[in-house]
Amino acid sequence: MRELQTDTRRVDEVLEPVEYAIAQDAESFHQVQDTPLRIAVADPFPGVIPRLWIYFTIDDEDYCTLRAVRRATPPQVAETDG
């Protein structure tokens, strides 16, 4: 959260629906290749909070652990020789 430098209350508002979705069906989220990490995406709060990637692990059938929250970055497009 340090890199966001914003109102933590707003961050909580953005994360809350993602946390709920993870609690409902954590296994439905994309697993990062060759890692135990899964990724969820939090919608932005316009002008305040950017789109966020939330990385978490499924510890067992009852628990997940939040591992990181990062500012989402656009995918890198490889340049091609035209």
N, C-alpha and C. Protein backbone atom coordinates (compact mmCIF):
# COMPACT_ATOMS: atom_id res chain seq x y z
N MET A 1 0.82 -1.19 0.00
CA MET A 1 0.00 0.00 0.00
C MET A 1 0.87 1.26 0.00
N ARG A 2 2.07 1.11 0.41
CA ARG A 2 2.98 2.24 0.48
C ARG A 2 3.08 2.96 -0.86
N GLU A 3 3.15 2.21 -1.96
CA GLU A 3 3.31 2.83 -3.27
C GLU A 3 2.05 3.56 -3.73
N LEU A 4 0.89 3.25 -3.15
CA LEU A 4 -0.33 3.93 -3.56
C LEU A 4 -0.44 5.32 -2.98
N GLN A 5 0.11 5.54 -1.80
CA GLN A 5 0.08 6.84 -1.13
C GLN A 5 -1.30 7.47 -1.21
N THR A 6 -2.26 6.79 -0.64
CA THR A 6 -3.63 7.26 -0.72
C THR A 6 -4.38 6.94 0.57
N ASP A 7 -5.63 7.27 0.57
CA ASP A 7 -6.50 7.05 1.71
C ASP A 7 -6.75 5.55 1.90
N THR A 8 -6.29 4.99 2.99
CA THR A 8 -6.43 3.55 3.20
C THR A 8 -7.90 3.13 3.32
N ARG A 9 -8.76 4.02 3.77
CA ARG A 9 -10.19 3.69 3.84
C ARG A 9 -10.72 3.38 2.44
N ARG A 10 -10.31 4.15 1.45
CA ARG A 10 -10.74 3.91 0.06
C ARG A 10 -10.17 2.59 -0.46
N VAL A 11 -8.94 2.27 -0.09
CA VAL A 11 -8.35 1.00 -0.50
C VAL A 11 -9.19 -0.14 0.07
N ASP A 12 -9.58 -0.04 1.33
CA ASP A 12 -10.43 -1.05 1.95
C ASP A 12 -11.75 -1.21 1.18
N GLU A 13 -12.34 -0.10 0.75
CA GLU A 13 -13.60 -0.15 0.00
C GLU A 13 -13.41 -0.87 -1.33
N VAL A 14 -12.26 -0.69 -1.95
CA VAL A 14 -11.97 -1.35 -3.22
C VAL A 14 -11.70 -2.84 -3.00
N LEU A 15 -11.02 -3.18 -1.92
CA LEU A 15 -10.66 -4.58 -1.65
C LEU A 15 -11.81 -5.42 -1.12
N GLU A 16 -12.76 -4.80 -0.45
CA GLU A 16 -13.83 -5.54 0.20
C GLU A 16 -14.59 -6.49 -0.74
N PRO A 17 -15.03 -6.05 -1.93
CA PRO A 17 -15.74 -7.00 -2.80
C PRO A 17 -14.84 -8.13 -3.32
N VAL A 18 -13.56 -7.85 -3.47
CA VAL A 18 -12.62 -8.89 -3.91
C VAL A 18 -12.45 -9.92 -2.79
N GLU A 19 -12.30 -9.46 -1.58
CA GLU A 19 -12.18 -10.38 -0.44
C GLU A 19 -13.41 -11.27 -0.34
N TYR A 20 -14.57 -10.69 -0.56
CA TYR A 20 -15.81 -11.47 -0.51
C TYR A 20 -15.81 -12.54 -1.60
N ALA A 21 -15.43 -12.14 -2.82
CA ALA A 21 -15.40 -13.09 -3.94
C ALA A 21 -14.41 -14.23 -3.67
N ILE A 22 -13.25 -13.91 -3.11
CA ILE A 22 -12.27 -14.94 -2.78
C ILE A 22 -12.85 -15.88 -1.73
N ALA A 23 -13.54 -15.33 -0.73
CA ALA A 23 -14.13 -16.16 0.32
C ALA A 23 -15.19 -17.11 -0.25
N GLN A 24 -15.88 -16.68 -1.29
CA GLN A 24 -16.93 -17.51 -1.88
C GLN A 24 -16.39 -18.64 -2.76
N ASP A 25 -15.34 -18.36 -3.54
CA ASP A 25 -14.83 -19.38 -4.47
C ASP A 25 -13.39 -19.07 -4.87
N ALA A 26 -12.47 -19.26 -3.96
CA ALA A 26 -11.06 -18.93 -4.19
C ALA A 26 -10.46 -19.70 -5.36
N GLU A 27 -10.89 -20.92 -5.55
CA GLU A 27 -10.31 -21.75 -6.61
C GLU A 27 -10.69 -21.28 -8.01
N SER A 28 -11.65 -20.39 -8.12
CA SER A 28 -12.06 -19.91 -9.44
C SER A 28 -11.11 -18.84 -9.99
N PHE A 29 -10.21 -18.34 -9.17
CA PHE A 29 -9.28 -17.30 -9.61
C PHE A 29 -8.07 -17.92 -10.31
N HIS A 30 -7.56 -17.18 -11.27
CA HIS A 30 -6.44 -17.63 -12.08
C HIS A 30 -5.22 -17.91 -11.21
N GLN A 31 -4.59 -19.08 -11.44
CA GLN A 31 -3.37 -19.42 -10.73
C GLN A 31 -2.18 -18.98 -11.58
N VAL A 32 -1.25 -18.28 -10.94
CA VAL A 32 -0.05 -17.81 -11.62
C VAL A 32 0.81 -19.03 -11.94
N GLN A 33 1.21 -19.15 -13.19
CA GLN A 33 1.93 -20.33 -13.66
C GLN A 33 3.15 -20.66 -12.79
N ASP A 34 3.27 -21.93 -12.45
CA ASP A 34 4.41 -22.47 -11.70
C ASP A 34 4.55 -21.89 -10.30
N THR A 35 3.44 -21.39 -9.73
CA THR A 35 3.47 -20.88 -8.35
C THR A 35 2.18 -21.30 -7.65
N PRO A 36 2.14 -21.19 -6.33
CA PRO A 36 0.88 -21.42 -5.62
C PRO A 36 -0.01 -20.17 -5.60
N LEU A 37 0.48 -19.07 -6.16
CA LEU A 37 -0.25 -17.81 -6.13
C LEU A 37 -1.45 -17.80 -7.06
N ARG A 38 -2.49 -17.14 -6.61
CA ARG A 38 -3.66 -16.85 -7.44
C ARG A 38 -3.78 -15.34 -7.50
N ILE A 39 -4.49 -14.85 -8.53
CA ILE A 39 -4.59 -13.41 -8.70
C ILE A 39 -6.05 -13.00 -8.87
N ALA A 40 -6.40 -11.94 -8.16
CA ALA A 40 -7.71 -11.32 -8.30
C ALA A 40 -7.47 -9.87 -8.72
N VAL A 41 -8.45 -9.28 -9.36
CA VAL A 41 -8.32 -7.90 -9.82
C VAL A 41 -9.38 -7.04 -9.14
N ALA A 42 -8.94 -5.95 -8.54
CA ALA A 42 -9.87 -5.00 -7.91
C ALA A 42 -10.10 -3.85 -8.87
N ASP A 43 -11.36 -3.53 -9.09
CA ASP A 43 -11.69 -2.42 -9.96
C ASP A 43 -11.20 -1.11 -9.36
N PRO A 44 -10.85 -0.15 -10.21
CA PRO A 44 -10.35 1.13 -9.70
C PRO A 44 -11.46 1.97 -9.07
N PHE A 45 -11.05 2.90 -8.23
CA PHE A 45 -11.92 3.93 -7.69
C PHE A 45 -11.46 5.19 -8.41
N PRO A 46 -12.18 5.62 -9.45
CA PRO A 46 -11.69 6.67 -10.35
C PRO A 46 -11.14 7.90 -9.63
N GLY A 47 -9.94 8.26 -10.03
CA GLY A 47 -9.28 9.43 -9.48
C GLY A 47 -8.63 9.24 -8.13
N VAL A 48 -8.83 8.07 -7.52
CA VAL A 48 -8.31 7.85 -6.18
C VAL A 48 -7.45 6.59 -6.10
N ILE A 49 -8.00 5.45 -6.52
CA ILE A 49 -7.32 4.16 -6.43
C ILE A 49 -7.25 3.56 -7.83
N PRO A 50 -6.06 3.17 -8.28
CA PRO A 50 -5.95 2.52 -9.59
C PRO A 50 -6.45 1.07 -9.52
N ARG A 51 -6.58 0.43 -10.66
CA ARG A 51 -6.89 -1.00 -10.69
C ARG A 51 -5.76 -1.73 -9.94
N LEU A 52 -6.14 -2.70 -9.12
CA LEU A 52 -5.15 -3.42 -8.30
C LEU A 52 -5.17 -4.91 -8.60
N TRP A 53 -3.99 -5.51 -8.53
CA TRP A 53 -3.87 -6.96 -8.58
C TRP A 53 -3.66 -7.44 -7.16
N ILE A 54 -4.44 -8.42 -6.75
CA ILE A 54 -4.35 -8.98 -5.41
C ILE A 54 -3.86 -10.42 -5.55
N TYR A 55 -2.70 -10.70 -4.98
CA TYR A 55 -2.12 -12.04 -5.02
C TYR A 55 -2.41 -12.73 -3.70
N PHE A 56 -2.87 -13.98 -3.78
CA PHE A 56 -3.17 -14.73 -2.56
C PHE A 56 -2.89 -16.20 -2.78
N THR A 57 -2.79 -16.93 -1.68
CA THR A 57 -2.65 -18.39 -1.74
C THR A 57 -3.82 -19.03 -1.02
N ILE A 58 -4.14 -20.23 -1.43
CA ILE A 58 -5.15 -21.03 -0.74
C ILE A 58 -4.38 -21.95 0.20
N ASP A 59 -4.56 -21.73 1.49
CA ASP A 59 -3.82 -22.50 2.50
C ASP A 59 -4.45 -23.86 2.78
N ASP A 60 -5.75 -23.89 2.87
CA ASP A 60 -6.50 -25.13 3.03
C ASP A 60 -7.95 -24.81 2.67
N GLU A 61 -8.85 -25.73 2.94
CA GLU A 61 -10.23 -25.49 2.50
C GLU A 61 -10.93 -24.35 3.23
N ASP A 62 -10.37 -23.88 4.31
CA ASP A 62 -10.99 -22.79 5.08
C ASP A 62 -10.23 -21.47 5.05
N TYR A 63 -8.98 -21.46 4.61
CA TYR A 63 -8.16 -20.26 4.73
C TYR A 63 -7.41 -19.90 3.46
N CYS A 64 -7.35 -18.60 3.20
CA CYS A 64 -6.51 -18.03 2.15
C CYS A 64 -5.64 -16.96 2.81
N THR A 65 -4.48 -16.70 2.22
CA THR A 65 -3.59 -15.68 2.74
C THR A 65 -3.30 -14.66 1.66
N LEU A 66 -3.54 -13.40 1.97
CA LEU A 66 -3.19 -12.30 1.08
C LEU A 66 -1.68 -12.18 1.07
N ARG A 67 -1.07 -12.22 -0.11
CA ARG A 67 0.38 -12.17 -0.23
C ARG A 67 0.89 -10.82 -0.70
N ALA A 68 0.15 -10.17 -1.59
CA ALA A 68 0.61 -8.87 -2.11
C ALA A 68 -0.54 -8.15 -2.79
N VAL A 69 -0.45 -6.83 -2.76
CA VAL A 69 -1.37 -5.98 -3.50
C VAL A 69 -0.50 -5.06 -4.33
N ARG A 70 -0.71 -5.06 -5.62
CA ARG A 70 0.11 -4.26 -6.53
C ARG A 70 -0.77 -3.44 -7.46
N ARG A 71 -0.24 -2.32 -7.87
CA ARG A 71 -0.90 -1.52 -8.89
C ARG A 71 -0.86 -2.32 -10.19
N ALA A 72 -2.01 -2.50 -10.83
CA ALA A 72 -2.06 -3.23 -12.10
C ALA A 72 -1.36 -2.42 -13.17
N THR A 73 -0.60 -3.11 -13.99
CA THR A 73 0.07 -2.45 -15.10
C THR A 73 -0.47 -3.02 -16.40
N PRO A 74 -0.54 -2.20 -17.43
CA PRO A 74 -1.03 -2.73 -18.70
C PRO A 74 -0.08 -3.79 -19.24
N PRO A 75 -0.61 -4.76 -19.98
CA PRO A 75 0.26 -5.79 -20.54
C PRO A 75 1.26 -5.16 -21.51
N GLN A 76 2.44 -5.71 -21.51
CA GLN A 76 3.47 -5.23 -22.43
C GLN A 76 3.22 -5.84 -23.80
N VAL A 77 3.22 -5.00 -24.80
CA VAL A 77 3.01 -5.46 -26.16
C VAL A 77 4.37 -5.53 -26.84
N ALA A 78 4.68 -6.70 -27.35
CA ALA A 78 5.97 -6.87 -28.03
C ALA A 78 5.94 -6.14 -29.36
N GLU A 79 7.02 -5.43 -29.63
CA GLU A 79 7.12 -4.75 -30.91
C GLU A 79 7.49 -5.78 -31.97
N THR A 80 6.91 -5.61 -33.13
CA THR A 80 7.21 -6.54 -34.22
C THR A 80 7.77 -5.77 -35.39
N ASP A 81 8.59 -6.43 -36.16
CA ASP A 81 9.12 -5.82 -37.36
C ASP A 81 8.02 -5.85 -38.41
N GLY A 82 7.65 -4.65 -38.91
CA GLY A 82 6.52 -4.52 -39.78
C GLY A 82 6.79 -4.92 -41.15
